Amino acid sequence: MGQRMHYDPANPLIVQGDRTVLVEVDNPRYAAARDALAPFAELEKSPEHIHTYRLTNLSLWNAAAAGMSASAMIAVLNRFTKFPLPPNLAADLTETVSRYGRVKLFKHGDRLELVCGDKPLLEELARQPKVREYLGDRLGPDRFLVAAAHRGVLKQALISVGYPAEDLAGYTEGAPLPIRLREIARSGLPFRVRDYQRDAAEVFYAGGDVHGGSGVVVLPCGAGKTIVGIAAMALMQKATLILTTSITAVKQWIREILDKTTLSPSEIAEYSGEKKSLGPVTVATYQILTHRSDKNEDFPHFKLFDERDWGLIIYDEVHLLPAPVFRVTANIQARRRLGLTATLIREDGREQDVFSLIGPKKYDVPWRELEARGWIAEATCCEIRTSLPDDLRMDYAVAEWRRKYRLASENPAKAEIVARLLEQYAGKQVLIIGQYLKQLRDLKKRFNIPLITGQTPTSEREELYHKFRHGELRQLILSKVGNFAIDLPDANVLIQVSGTFGSRQEEAQRLGRILRPKANGDLAHFYTIVTRDTRELDFAHHRQLFLTEQGYSYSIMDADEMLARRRIA
């Protein structure tokens, strides 16, 4: 009865029995409710007035792994709900959250044991075909022997049947590597790990205890995830393998490690398509790991995981981890594993594999909190809607659905809007980013702005990035290579002319390109240009879910009005 009293019709939440939560955007308590809900709910839809969240099993287990109790989640819902909570919900959430850690993995000599104090539950799990094949001898009514090689695949099987294991089997220590953080970087600038970066590294490491050592840290692009990785290396003092998205990102990691630690160049190696060297710290690309000359052969570069006695493996941009790398990660569960990302959302739906094989979310900070503290730039987001020219409307009408998206994305009317924005932000550091090379080459030709694509040689790419960083170049056009792990701290305007369908993770990465704090305190401006009355607009709404989760809102601007203002001026 007491629970029914915890509601207020003036509140913004409507909590429903199917675990959906509707949130009124125009409610004065919206921002507080959104921030309280975000740690344990997943945003599904975010139109103008009512946002829909869902309490998924995985969102609840991630919150539980980060230390949030079911009673704390129910207290949030009670605090912000308009109506009494559905009678079944508290029991449902409590039961789901309790499933995390009901089954545990411990070390047993050179093998493992799976332990569950709930004997009927263990009996039921042992009869599940997905689980049974990885169980060894029975050691007692509450435990089974498990081969060390099955540690990863068993965790995948357990989460698939609804009981994610808590892995307390510990780790191999790895080869020692003396490493200290500098107080004065090699660049001559003072260096200090920010409080949230230090907290993230310490929560991950947990003082070397078995409760730490595997998990994901979620921080905005521009908030210094690389520094979290370096701080974790300094805590552990062990040989480290770092996996990242591109050669540009490899060079950026190496540059940062050399600048901010006592490691020498001879101790840091690059393993990529360009160079294949090994060192106590080795930075490799996902592309080289998954490269093979024949799709029927095995992956020859997977041997990298066994080349050294790694004490730590860092997965940069873990939301982009290629599917084959999950396979090898399942085999290296005895190594400490740190995932770094701006978003846990994966476009292939393999969030459960990240949870099982890299580890649960261990730490995150809302973007707006870091913005308020000045660690990332304050950003404005604007969607500019333009029409398809009359001569393309019939082509669009008869095109198949994938072609429709491309026609809308490459709408030539977007070039006029780009021209207007370049004029408005003359003298600023502007990035133009898109999906389709023909569209980008047309913009390059029209505005005489350098273009970087996947085909641009690394040396030319690095030179252009260098010129942009140092203000010698004010404008740059990027293909999808610009989505990931490039350090362009002074970029403060981003114009998105096309994207990968409804990719939330891409939206996160692209906004992140302009979120590094500006020395002069400038705002960051994120523009996305979309074609109204087309599939592109539908996908744009899905992309924007990520920004809504982080507390940003889009203003909508009509292209005709925008261009008319220029003509009047």
Protein backbone atom coordinates (compact mmCIF):
# COMPACT_ATOMS: atom_id res chain seq x y z
CA MET A 1 0.00 0.00 0.00
CA GLY A 2 2.85 2.34 0.89
CA GLN A 3 4.24 2.17 -2.62
CA ARG A 4 1.06 3.58 -4.12
CA MET A 5 1.56 6.86 -2.28
CA HIS A 6 4.83 7.63 -4.14
CA TYR A 7 3.41 9.47 -7.13
CA ASP A 8 2.45 12.93 -8.24
CA PRO A 9 0.25 13.81 -11.27
CA ALA A 10 2.64 16.72 -11.94
CA ASN A 11 5.52 14.28 -12.52
CA PRO A 12 6.91 13.49 -16.01
CA LEU A 13 6.94 9.65 -16.05
CA ILE A 14 4.26 7.15 -17.03
CA VAL A 15 5.58 3.72 -16.06
CA GLN A 16 3.88 0.78 -17.76
CA GLY A 17 3.63 -2.92 -16.98
CA ASP A 18 5.46 -3.93 -20.18
CA ARG A 19 8.58 -2.11 -18.84
CA THR A 20 8.18 0.91 -21.10
CA VAL A 21 8.51 4.33 -19.50
CA LEU A 22 7.00 7.38 -21.19
CA VAL A 23 8.63 10.70 -20.35
CA GLU A 24 7.00 14.10 -20.91
CA VAL A 25 9.62 16.38 -22.44
CA ASP A 26 7.80 19.63 -21.63
CA ASN A 27 7.57 18.80 -17.93
CA PRO A 28 9.67 20.99 -15.58
CA ARG A 29 11.11 17.83 -13.99
CA TYR A 30 12.02 16.24 -17.36
CA ALA A 31 15.79 16.79 -17.15
CA ALA A 32 16.05 15.45 -13.59
CA ALA A 33 13.93 12.40 -14.49
CA ARG A 34 15.91 11.71 -17.66
CA ASP A 35 19.24 11.82 -15.80
CA ALA A 36 17.95 9.55 -13.02
CA LEU A 37 16.46 7.07 -15.51
CA ALA A 38 19.44 6.87 -17.90
CA PRO A 39 21.65 4.52 -15.78
CA PHE A 40 19.16 1.65 -15.97
CA ALA A 41 16.88 2.28 -18.97
CA GLU A 42 17.39 2.38 -22.73
CA LEU A 43 15.89 5.13 -24.89
CA GLU A 44 13.82 3.72 -27.77
CA LYS A 45 12.05 6.73 -29.31
CA SER A 46 12.44 10.47 -28.90
CA PRO A 47 9.88 12.49 -30.87
CA GLU A 48 9.14 16.07 -29.77
CA HIS A 49 6.90 15.65 -26.75
CA ILE A 50 6.98 12.10 -25.35
CA HIS A 51 10.14 9.99 -25.12
CA THR A 52 9.94 6.21 -24.70
CA TYR A 53 12.43 4.30 -22.57
CA ARG A 54 12.51 0.56 -21.99
CA LEU A 55 13.82 -1.31 -18.96
CA THR A 56 15.63 -4.06 -20.86
CA ASN A 57 17.30 -7.02 -19.13
CA LEU A 58 20.70 -5.79 -20.31
CA SER A 59 20.17 -2.19 -19.16
CA LEU A 60 19.13 -3.52 -15.72
CA TRP A 61 22.12 -5.89 -15.51
CA ASN A 62 24.58 -3.18 -16.55
CA ALA A 63 23.20 -0.99 -13.77
CA ALA A 64 23.41 -3.88 -11.30
CA ALA A 65 27.03 -4.58 -12.30
CA ALA A 66 27.82 -0.90 -11.69
CA GLY A 67 26.44 -1.24 -8.15
CA MET A 68 22.87 0.03 -8.52
CA SER A 69 20.29 -2.00 -6.58
CA ALA A 70 16.77 -2.86 -7.71
CA SER A 71 15.38 -0.84 -4.80
CA ALA A 72 17.32 2.23 -5.99
CA MET A 73 15.84 1.81 -9.50
CA ILE A 74 12.31 1.45 -8.10
CA ALA A 75 12.89 4.53 -5.93
CA VAL A 76 13.72 6.56 -9.07
CA LEU A 77 10.53 5.40 -10.78
CA ASN A 78 8.48 6.21 -7.67
CA ARG A 79 10.07 9.64 -7.37
CA PHE A 80 9.13 10.70 -10.89
CA THR A 81 5.99 8.71 -11.72
CA LYS A 82 2.63 10.38 -12.46
CA PHE A 83 0.58 7.34 -11.48
CA PRO A 84 1.06 4.37 -9.15
CA LEU A 85 3.61 1.89 -10.47
CA PRO A 86 2.04 -1.20 -12.08
CA PRO A 87 1.65 -3.80 -9.31
CA ASN A 88 3.86 -6.37 -11.05
CA LEU A 89 6.73 -4.05 -11.87
CA ALA A 90 8.67 -3.90 -8.59
CA ALA A 91 8.70 -7.69 -8.32
CA ASP A 92 9.65 -8.06 -12.00
CA LEU A 93 12.57 -5.61 -11.74
CA THR A 94 13.79 -7.09 -8.46
CA GLU A 95 13.75 -10.60 -9.92
CA THR A 96 15.53 -9.55 -13.15
CA VAL A 97 18.22 -7.56 -11.35
CA SER A 98 18.77 -10.46 -8.92
CA ARG A 99 19.67 -12.73 -11.83
CA TYR A 100 22.99 -10.91 -12.25
CA GLY A 101 25.52 -12.75 -10.10
CA ARG A 102 23.24 -15.61 -8.99
CA VAL A 103 25.73 -17.76 -10.89
CA LYS A 104 29.43 -17.16 -10.25
CA LEU A 105 32.71 -18.34 -11.74
CA PHE A 106 35.68 -19.02 -9.42
CA LYS A 107 39.23 -20.32 -9.92
CA HIS A 108 39.72 -24.03 -9.13
CA GLY A 109 43.38 -24.99 -9.59
CA ASP A 110 44.11 -24.61 -13.29
CA ARG A 111 40.41 -24.90 -14.08
CA LEU A 112 37.26 -23.04 -13.06
CA GLU A 113 34.15 -23.85 -11.12
CA LEU A 114 30.64 -22.60 -11.74
CA VAL A 115 28.87 -22.03 -8.42
CA CYS A 116 25.21 -21.33 -7.70
CA GLY A 117 23.76 -21.35 -4.18
CA ASP A 118 20.27 -21.85 -5.64
CA LYS A 119 20.47 -25.60 -6.28
CA PRO A 120 17.20 -25.98 -8.24
CA LEU A 121 18.31 -23.09 -10.48
CA LEU A 122 21.68 -24.71 -11.10
CA GLU A 123 19.91 -27.96 -11.94
CA GLU A 124 17.70 -26.12 -14.43
CA LEU A 125 20.66 -24.31 -16.03
CA ALA A 126 22.66 -27.52 -16.29
CA ARG A 127 19.85 -29.00 -18.37
CA GLN A 128 19.88 -26.11 -20.84
CA PRO A 129 21.51 -27.41 -24.07
CA LYS A 130 23.41 -24.12 -24.60
CA VAL A 131 24.94 -24.34 -21.12
CA ARG A 132 25.33 -28.09 -20.64
CA GLU A 133 28.00 -28.57 -23.33
CA TYR A 134 30.44 -26.32 -21.45
CA LEU A 135 30.04 -27.93 -18.01
CA GLY A 136 32.55 -30.51 -16.77
CA ASP A 137 32.33 -32.85 -13.80
CA ARG A 138 29.91 -32.11 -11.00
CA LEU A 139 31.85 -31.12 -7.85
CA GLY A 140 28.83 -30.95 -5.56
CA PRO A 141 25.13 -30.00 -5.48
CA ASP A 142 26.00 -26.32 -6.00
CA ARG A 143 28.95 -26.41 -8.43
CA PHE A 144 30.42 -27.76 -11.66
CA LEU A 145 33.97 -27.95 -12.96
CA VAL A 146 34.56 -25.85 -16.11
CA ALA A 147 37.51 -25.99 -18.50
CA ALA A 148 39.40 -22.67 -18.56
CA ALA A 149 38.99 -22.58 -22.35
CA HIS A 150 35.19 -22.46 -21.92
CA ARG A 151 35.17 -19.39 -19.66
CA GLY A 152 34.00 -16.98 -22.38
CA VAL A 153 31.57 -19.20 -24.26
CA LEU A 154 29.94 -20.34 -21.01
CA LYS A 155 29.32 -16.72 -20.02
CA GLN A 156 27.76 -16.11 -23.45
CA ALA A 157 25.54 -19.17 -22.99
CA LEU A 158 24.45 -18.12 -19.49
CA ILE A 159 23.45 -14.60 -20.50
CA SER A 160 21.53 -15.99 -23.48
CA VAL A 161 19.35 -18.04 -21.07
CA GLY A 162 18.86 -15.04 -18.79
CA TYR A 163 21.43 -15.55 -16.01
CA PRO A 164 24.58 -13.47 -16.56
CA ALA A 165 27.46 -14.86 -14.52
CA GLU A 166 29.62 -12.80 -12.22
CA ASP A 167 33.16 -13.74 -13.18
CA LEU A 168 35.38 -13.87 -10.07
CA ALA A 169 37.93 -16.33 -11.50
CA GLY A 170 40.72 -13.75 -11.58
CA TYR A 171 43.40 -13.06 -14.16
CA THR A 172 46.94 -13.91 -15.18
CA GLU A 173 49.16 -11.08 -14.03
CA GLY A 174 51.03 -10.50 -17.29
CA ALA A 175 54.61 -9.39 -17.85
CA PRO A 176 55.73 -6.45 -15.66
CA LEU A 177 56.14 -3.04 -17.29
CA PRO A 178 57.38 -0.11 -15.16
CA ILE A 179 55.38 2.97 -16.22
CA ARG A 180 54.76 6.30 -14.53
CA LEU A 181 52.57 9.22 -15.51
CA ARG A 182 54.40 12.50 -16.10
CA GLU A 183 53.48 15.69 -14.26
CA ILE A 184 54.96 17.69 -17.12
CA ALA A 185 54.24 16.08 -20.49
CA ARG A 186 57.00 15.68 -23.05
CA SER A 187 55.28 18.51 -24.94
CA GLY A 188 56.17 20.77 -21.99
CA LEU A 189 52.58 21.24 -20.84
CA PRO A 190 51.43 20.34 -17.31
CA PHE A 191 49.57 17.02 -17.20
CA ARG A 192 47.11 15.83 -14.58
CA VAL A 193 44.57 13.04 -14.87
CA ARG A 194 41.08 14.52 -14.34
CA ASP A 195 39.08 13.25 -11.38
CA TYR A 196 36.54 11.30 -13.48
CA GLN A 197 39.32 9.75 -15.60
CA ARG A 198 41.13 8.60 -12.46
CA ASP A 199 37.87 7.32 -10.93
CA ALA A 200 37.07 5.35 -14.10
CA ALA A 201 40.53 3.71 -14.15
CA GLU A 202 40.36 2.88 -10.43
CA VAL A 203 36.82 1.44 -10.62
CA PHE A 204 37.97 -0.75 -13.52
CA TYR A 205 41.15 -1.96 -11.77
CA ALA A 206 39.56 -2.29 -8.28
CA GLY A 207 43.01 -2.47 -6.69
CA GLY A 208 43.80 -5.66 -8.58
CA ASP A 209 40.87 -7.53 -6.98
CA VAL A 210 38.87 -10.14 -8.95
CA HIS A 211 35.84 -7.79 -8.82
CA GLY A 212 37.71 -5.49 -11.23
CA GLY A 213 39.75 -6.19 -14.33
CA SER A 214 37.04 -6.53 -16.94
CA GLY A 215 34.46 -4.00 -18.03
CA VAL A 216 33.53 -0.99 -20.11
CA VAL A 217 34.02 2.71 -19.39
CA VAL A 218 31.52 4.97 -21.18
CA LEU A 219 32.64 8.58 -21.69
CA PRO A 220 31.88 11.20 -24.35
CA CYS A 221 34.18 11.71 -27.31
CA GLY A 222 36.50 14.53 -26.31
CA ALA A 223 36.41 13.58 -22.61
CA GLY A 224 39.76 11.77 -22.76
CA LYS A 225 39.04 8.04 -22.96
CA THR A 226 42.66 7.54 -24.08
CA ILE A 227 43.80 9.03 -20.75
CA VAL A 228 41.57 6.53 -18.88
CA GLY A 229 43.40 3.75 -20.73
CA ILE A 230 46.80 5.24 -19.92
CA ALA A 231 45.80 5.71 -16.26
CA ALA A 232 44.75 2.03 -16.11
CA MET A 233 48.13 1.04 -17.58
CA ALA A 234 49.89 3.08 -14.89
CA LEU A 235 47.84 1.39 -12.14
CA MET A 236 48.61 -2.09 -13.47
CA GLN A 237 52.25 -1.75 -14.58
CA LYS A 238 51.85 -4.63 -17.04
CA ALA A 239 52.45 -5.30 -20.74
CA THR A 240 49.44 -3.93 -22.68
CA LEU A 241 47.83 -4.65 -26.04
CA ILE A 242 45.68 -1.79 -27.36
CA LEU A 243 43.21 -2.42 -30.19
CA THR A 244 41.73 0.53 -32.06
CA THR A 245 39.88 1.52 -35.21
CA SER A 246 42.44 2.95 -37.65
CA ILE A 247 46.08 3.76 -38.31
CA THR A 248 45.29 7.38 -37.40
CA ALA A 249 44.01 6.20 -34.01
CA VAL A 250 47.08 3.96 -33.54
CA LYS A 251 49.39 6.94 -34.07
CA GLN A 252 47.27 9.06 -31.75
CA TRP A 253 47.52 6.46 -28.93
CA ILE A 254 51.29 6.19 -29.41
CA ARG A 255 51.63 9.98 -29.43
CA GLU A 256 49.62 10.30 -26.18
CA ILE A 257 51.47 7.47 -24.38
CA LEU A 258 54.86 8.93 -25.29
CA ASP A 259 53.77 12.43 -24.30
CA LYS A 260 52.25 11.56 -20.93
CA THR A 261 54.20 8.58 -19.57
CA THR A 262 57.80 7.62 -18.87
CA LEU A 263 57.75 4.89 -21.54
CA SER A 264 60.37 5.23 -24.27
CA PRO A 265 59.69 4.93 -28.04
CA SER A 266 61.43 1.52 -28.04
CA GLU A 267 58.80 0.18 -25.62
CA ILE A 268 55.78 1.11 -27.80
CA ALA A 269 55.12 -0.72 -31.05
CA GLU A 270 52.67 -0.34 -33.94
CA TYR A 271 51.00 -3.41 -35.42
CA SER A 272 49.01 -2.38 -38.48
CA GLY A 273 48.78 -2.74 -42.25
CA GLU A 274 51.81 -0.46 -42.48
CA LYS A 275 54.07 -1.86 -39.77
CA LYS A 276 54.06 -5.09 -37.76
CA SER A 277 56.31 -4.67 -34.76
CA LEU A 278 55.82 -5.90 -31.19
CA GLY A 279 56.72 -4.27 -27.89
CA PRO A 280 55.70 -4.28 -24.21
CA VAL A 281 52.95 -1.88 -25.34
CA THR A 282 51.59 -2.78 -28.77
CA VAL A 283 48.90 -0.73 -30.53
CA ALA A 284 47.05 -2.58 -33.31
CA THR A 285 44.10 -1.95 -35.62
CA TYR A 286 40.98 -4.09 -35.71
CA GLN A 287 41.42 -4.18 -39.50
CA ILE A 288 44.76 -6.00 -39.35
CA LEU A 289 43.46 -8.45 -36.74
CA THR A 290 40.56 -9.44 -38.97
CA HIS A 291 42.52 -9.44 -42.23
CA ARG A 292 42.84 -12.71 -44.12
CA SER A 293 43.56 -13.37 -47.77
CA ASP A 294 40.89 -16.06 -48.07
CA LYS A 295 37.57 -16.06 -46.20
CA ASN A 296 37.87 -19.83 -45.71
CA GLU A 297 41.17 -19.63 -43.83
CA ASP A 298 41.67 -18.68 -40.21
CA PHE A 299 42.71 -15.19 -39.10
CA PRO A 300 46.54 -15.22 -39.18
CA HIS A 301 46.97 -12.12 -37.01
CA PHE A 302 44.98 -13.55 -34.07
CA LYS A 303 48.36 -14.90 -32.93
CA LEU A 304 49.02 -11.37 -31.66
CA PHE A 305 46.97 -12.21 -28.55
CA ASP A 306 49.50 -14.89 -27.62
CA GLU A 307 52.70 -13.15 -28.77
CA ARG A 308 53.32 -11.60 -25.34
CA ASP A 309 52.23 -12.18 -21.79
CA TRP A 310 49.72 -9.33 -21.86
CA GLY A 311 48.48 -8.09 -18.49
CA LEU A 312 45.87 -5.79 -20.05
CA ILE A 313 44.00 -5.60 -23.36
CA ILE A 314 42.30 -2.29 -24.18
CA TYR A 315 39.48 -2.32 -26.71
CA ASP A 316 39.12 1.26 -28.00
CA GLU A 317 35.68 2.16 -29.45
CA VAL A 318 34.37 -1.18 -28.16
CA HIS A 319 30.98 -0.59 -29.81
CA LEU A 320 32.79 -1.14 -33.15
CA LEU A 321 34.52 -4.39 -32.17
CA PRO A 322 34.38 -6.60 -35.29
CA ALA A 323 32.47 -9.87 -34.89
CA PRO A 324 35.55 -12.14 -35.37
CA VAL A 325 37.33 -10.39 -32.47
CA PHE A 326 34.57 -11.59 -30.14
CA ARG A 327 35.61 -15.13 -31.02
CA VAL A 328 39.23 -14.64 -29.97
CA THR A 329 38.16 -12.55 -26.94
CA ALA A 330 36.17 -15.55 -25.72
CA ASN A 331 39.49 -17.43 -25.55
CA ILE A 332 41.43 -14.82 -23.56
CA GLN A 333 39.20 -14.36 -20.52
CA ALA A 334 42.19 -14.72 -18.20
CA ARG A 335 43.55 -11.36 -19.45
CA ARG A 336 42.26 -8.12 -17.95
CA ARG A 337 40.04 -6.37 -20.53
CA LEU A 338 39.08 -2.69 -20.66
CA GLY A 339 36.51 -1.47 -23.18
CA LEU A 340 36.31 2.26 -23.99
CA THR A 341 33.33 3.80 -25.80
CA ALA A 342 31.01 6.79 -26.05
CA THR A 343 27.95 4.51 -26.37
CA LEU A 344 27.10 0.92 -25.50
CA ILE A 345 24.75 0.77 -28.50
CA ARG A 346 25.93 -1.56 -31.27
CA GLU A 347 24.25 -1.49 -34.66
CA ASP A 348 24.58 -5.30 -34.91
CA GLY A 349 22.76 -5.91 -31.61
CA ARG A 350 25.72 -7.68 -29.96
CA GLU A 351 25.61 -5.69 -26.72
CA GLN A 352 25.24 -8.98 -24.79
CA ASP A 353 28.56 -10.19 -26.19
CA VAL A 354 30.27 -6.99 -25.02
CA PHE A 355 28.76 -7.58 -21.56
CA SER A 356 29.82 -11.26 -21.45
CA LEU A 357 33.25 -11.11 -23.09
CA ILE A 358 34.65 -7.63 -22.37
CA GLY A 359 32.65 -7.04 -19.21
CA PRO A 360 29.71 -4.99 -17.92
CA LYS A 361 29.60 -1.22 -17.82
CA LYS A 362 31.78 -0.14 -14.91
CA TYR A 363 31.68 3.65 -15.19
CA ASP A 364 29.96 6.42 -17.09
CA VAL A 365 29.39 10.14 -16.78
CA PRO A 366 26.52 12.01 -18.51
CA TRP A 367 27.71 14.29 -21.29
CA ARG A 368 25.87 17.30 -19.91
CA GLU A 369 27.58 16.89 -16.54
CA LEU A 370 31.01 17.11 -18.17
CA GLU A 371 29.80 20.02 -20.29
CA ALA A 372 28.64 21.87 -17.16
CA ARG A 373 32.08 21.33 -15.62
CA GLY A 374 33.86 22.63 -18.72
CA TRP A 375 35.54 19.33 -19.64
CA ILE A 376 33.75 19.17 -22.98
CA ALA A 377 32.46 22.07 -25.06
CA GLU A 378 28.87 23.23 -24.80
CA ALA A 379 27.11 22.19 -28.00
CA THR A 380 24.09 23.31 -29.99
CA CYS A 381 22.47 20.82 -32.39
CA CYS A 382 20.40 21.89 -35.37
CA GLU A 383 18.61 19.91 -38.08
CA ILE A 384 18.16 21.79 -41.34
CA ARG A 385 15.40 20.38 -43.55
CA THR A 386 15.45 20.93 -47.28
CA SER A 387 13.29 19.67 -50.15
CA LEU A 388 14.19 17.35 -53.00
CA PRO A 389 14.39 19.31 -56.30
CA ASP A 390 11.37 18.71 -58.55
CA ASP A 391 13.44 16.95 -61.22
CA LEU A 392 14.47 14.25 -58.69
CA ARG A 393 11.10 13.67 -57.06
CA MET A 394 9.93 11.15 -59.66
CA ASP A 395 13.25 9.26 -59.47
CA TYR A 396 12.74 9.09 -55.71
CA ALA A 397 9.11 7.95 -56.04
CA VAL A 398 9.97 4.92 -58.18
CA ALA A 399 13.28 3.95 -56.54
CA GLU A 400 13.68 0.85 -54.32
CA TRP A 401 14.03 1.66 -50.64
CA ARG A 402 17.86 1.63 -50.33
CA ARG A 403 18.17 3.79 -53.44
CA LYS A 404 15.58 6.18 -51.93
CA TYR A 405 17.87 6.76 -48.96
CA ARG A 406 20.85 7.50 -51.16
CA LEU A 407 18.89 9.89 -53.42
CA ALA A 408 17.69 11.80 -50.37
CA SER A 409 21.17 11.78 -48.78
CA GLU A 410 22.87 13.10 -51.94
CA ASN A 411 20.23 15.78 -52.51
CA PRO A 412 22.13 18.48 -54.49
CA ALA A 413 20.12 21.19 -52.70
CA LYS A 414 22.27 20.51 -49.63
CA ALA A 415 25.25 22.25 -51.27
CA GLU A 416 23.53 25.64 -51.00
CA ILE A 417 23.02 25.12 -47.27
CA VAL A 418 26.68 24.14 -46.87
CA ALA A 419 27.63 27.36 -48.71
CA ARG A 420 25.48 29.40 -46.32
CA LEU A 421 27.00 27.73 -43.24
CA LEU A 422 30.57 28.15 -44.50
CA GLU A 423 29.82 31.85 -45.02
CA GLN A 424 28.26 32.11 -41.53
CA TYR A 425 31.27 30.43 -39.90
CA ALA A 426 34.06 31.96 -41.96
CA GLY A 427 37.23 31.90 -39.86
CA LYS A 428 36.01 29.00 -37.67
CA GLN A 429 37.36 25.42 -37.74
CA VAL A 430 34.71 23.61 -39.81
CA LEU A 431 34.38 19.90 -40.57
CA ILE A 432 32.03 18.64 -43.29
CA ILE A 433 31.30 14.94 -42.98
CA GLY A 434 29.29 12.51 -45.08
CA GLN A 435 28.70 8.99 -46.26
CA TYR A 436 28.82 9.15 -50.07
CA LEU A 437 32.08 9.86 -51.89
CA LYS A 438 30.50 11.38 -55.00
CA GLN A 439 28.66 13.91 -52.84
CA LEU A 440 31.85 14.74 -50.93
CA ARG A 441 33.93 15.09 -54.10
CA ASP A 442 31.33 17.50 -55.51
CA LEU A 443 31.61 19.59 -52.33
CA LYS A 444 35.41 19.46 -52.51
CA LYS A 445 35.32 20.74 -56.09
CA ARG A 446 32.76 23.47 -55.41
CA PHE A 447 34.35 24.87 -52.24
CA ASN A 448 38.01 23.94 -52.87
CA ILE A 449 38.28 22.19 -49.49
CA PRO A 450 40.62 19.18 -48.96
CA LEU A 451 38.88 15.79 -48.70
CA ILE A 452 40.05 12.82 -46.61
CA THR A 453 38.68 9.37 -47.47
CA GLY A 454 39.73 5.79 -46.80
CA GLN A 455 41.89 5.98 -49.93
CA THR A 456 43.87 9.01 -48.75
CA PRO A 457 47.46 7.90 -47.98
CA THR A 458 48.24 7.96 -44.26
CA SER A 459 51.05 10.52 -44.70
CA GLU A 460 48.74 12.94 -46.55
CA ARG A 461 45.97 12.35 -44.01
CA GLU A 462 48.29 13.08 -41.09
CA GLU A 463 49.59 16.23 -42.80
CA LEU A 464 46.05 17.56 -43.34
CA TYR A 465 45.08 16.77 -39.73
CA HIS A 466 48.27 18.52 -38.56
CA LYS A 467 47.47 21.64 -40.61
CA PHE A 468 43.89 21.67 -39.30
CA ARG A 469 45.05 21.30 -35.68
CA HIS A 470 47.46 24.22 -36.09
CA GLY A 471 44.99 26.54 -37.83
CA GLU A 472 46.80 26.47 -41.19
CA LEU A 473 43.66 24.87 -42.60
CA ARG A 474 40.21 26.06 -41.52
CA GLN A 475 37.95 23.64 -43.38
CA LEU A 476 38.14 19.91 -44.01
CA ILE A 477 35.81 17.36 -45.65
CA LEU A 478 35.79 13.86 -44.17
CA SER A 479 34.23 10.59 -45.27
CA LYS A 480 33.38 7.91 -42.70
CA VAL A 481 37.05 7.90 -41.65
CA GLY A 482 36.15 11.01 -39.66
CA ASN A 483 33.77 9.09 -37.41
CA PHE A 484 36.43 7.52 -35.26
CA ALA A 485 39.29 8.40 -32.97
CA ILE A 486 40.73 11.51 -34.56
CA ASP A 487 42.00 14.30 -32.39
CA LEU A 488 41.02 17.68 -33.82
CA PRO A 489 40.59 19.71 -30.63
CA ASP A 490 39.82 23.08 -32.22
CA ALA A 491 37.05 21.94 -34.58
CA ASN A 492 33.95 23.81 -33.47
CA VAL A 493 31.49 23.45 -36.36
CA LEU A 494 30.43 20.15 -37.90
CA ILE A 495 28.16 19.94 -40.94
CA GLN A 496 26.76 16.45 -41.54
CA VAL A 497 25.52 16.07 -45.11
CA SER A 498 24.78 12.32 -45.00
CA GLY A 499 25.14 9.35 -42.68
CA THR A 500 24.85 5.59 -42.28
CA PHE A 501 21.09 5.08 -42.14
CA GLY A 502 19.87 5.36 -38.52
CA SER A 503 23.19 4.82 -36.77
CA ARG A 504 23.06 6.19 -33.22
CA GLN A 505 26.71 5.34 -32.63
CA GLU A 506 27.77 7.33 -35.70
CA GLU A 507 25.83 10.36 -34.46
CA ALA A 508 27.69 10.06 -31.15
CA GLN A 509 31.07 9.83 -32.84
CA ARG A 510 30.41 12.77 -35.12
CA LEU A 511 29.20 15.09 -32.39
CA GLY A 512 32.27 14.01 -30.44
CA ARG A 513 34.54 15.42 -33.13
CA ILE A 514 33.71 18.95 -31.97
CA LEU A 515 33.29 18.50 -28.21
CA ARG A 516 36.83 19.17 -27.03
CA PRO A 517 36.83 22.35 -24.93
CA LYS A 518 37.85 25.44 -26.89
CA ALA A 519 40.63 27.65 -25.55
CA ASN A 520 38.49 30.73 -26.25
CA GLY A 521 35.33 29.19 -24.73
CA ASP A 522 33.53 28.95 -28.10
CA LEU A 523 30.37 26.90 -28.41
CA ALA A 524 30.38 23.79 -30.62
CA HIS A 525 27.79 23.78 -33.43
CA PHE A 526 26.49 20.51 -34.90
CA TYR A 527 24.37 20.76 -38.06
CA THR A 528 22.74 17.87 -39.85
CA ILE A 529 21.14 18.52 -43.25
CA VAL A 530 18.28 16.19 -44.17
CA THR A 531 15.74 15.94 -46.99
CA ARG A 532 12.16 16.30 -45.77
CA ASP A 533 9.41 13.86 -46.76
CA THR A 534 11.95 11.08 -47.38
CA ARG A 535 13.43 8.04 -45.67
CA GLU A 536 16.40 10.14 -44.65
CA LEU A 537 14.23 12.10 -42.23
CA ASP A 538 12.96 8.87 -40.65
CA PHE A 539 16.52 7.64 -40.11
CA ALA A 540 17.59 11.05 -38.78
CA HIS A 541 15.07 10.69 -35.94
CA HIS A 542 16.62 7.36 -34.96
CA ARG A 543 20.15 8.79 -35.08
CA GLN A 544 19.08 11.58 -32.76
CA LEU A 545 18.09 9.12 -30.03
CA PHE A 546 21.68 9.13 -28.84
CA LEU A 547 21.81 12.90 -28.45
CA THR A 548 18.50 12.88 -26.58
CA GLU A 549 19.92 10.28 -24.17
CA GLN A 550 22.76 12.67 -23.41
CA GLY A 551 20.46 15.60 -22.79
CA TYR A 552 20.88 17.46 -26.09
CA SER A 553 17.95 18.65 -28.15
CA TYR A 554 17.77 19.55 -31.83
CA SER A 555 16.36 22.78 -33.09
CA ILE A 556 14.68 22.43 -36.49
CA MET A 557 15.39 24.97 -39.22
CA ASP A 558 13.74 25.27 -42.63
CA ALA A 559 16.31 25.60 -45.42
CA ASP A 560 14.18 27.98 -47.50
CA GLU A 561 13.82 30.39 -44.58
CA MET A 562 17.53 30.15 -43.83
CA LEU A 563 18.52 30.91 -47.44
CA ALA A 564 15.91 33.68 -47.73
CA ARG A 565 17.46 35.42 -44.71
CA ARG A 566 20.80 35.48 -46.51
CA ARG A 567 19.23 37.01 -49.62
CA ILE A 568 17.53 39.72 -47.55
CA ALA A 569 20.79 40.41 -45.69
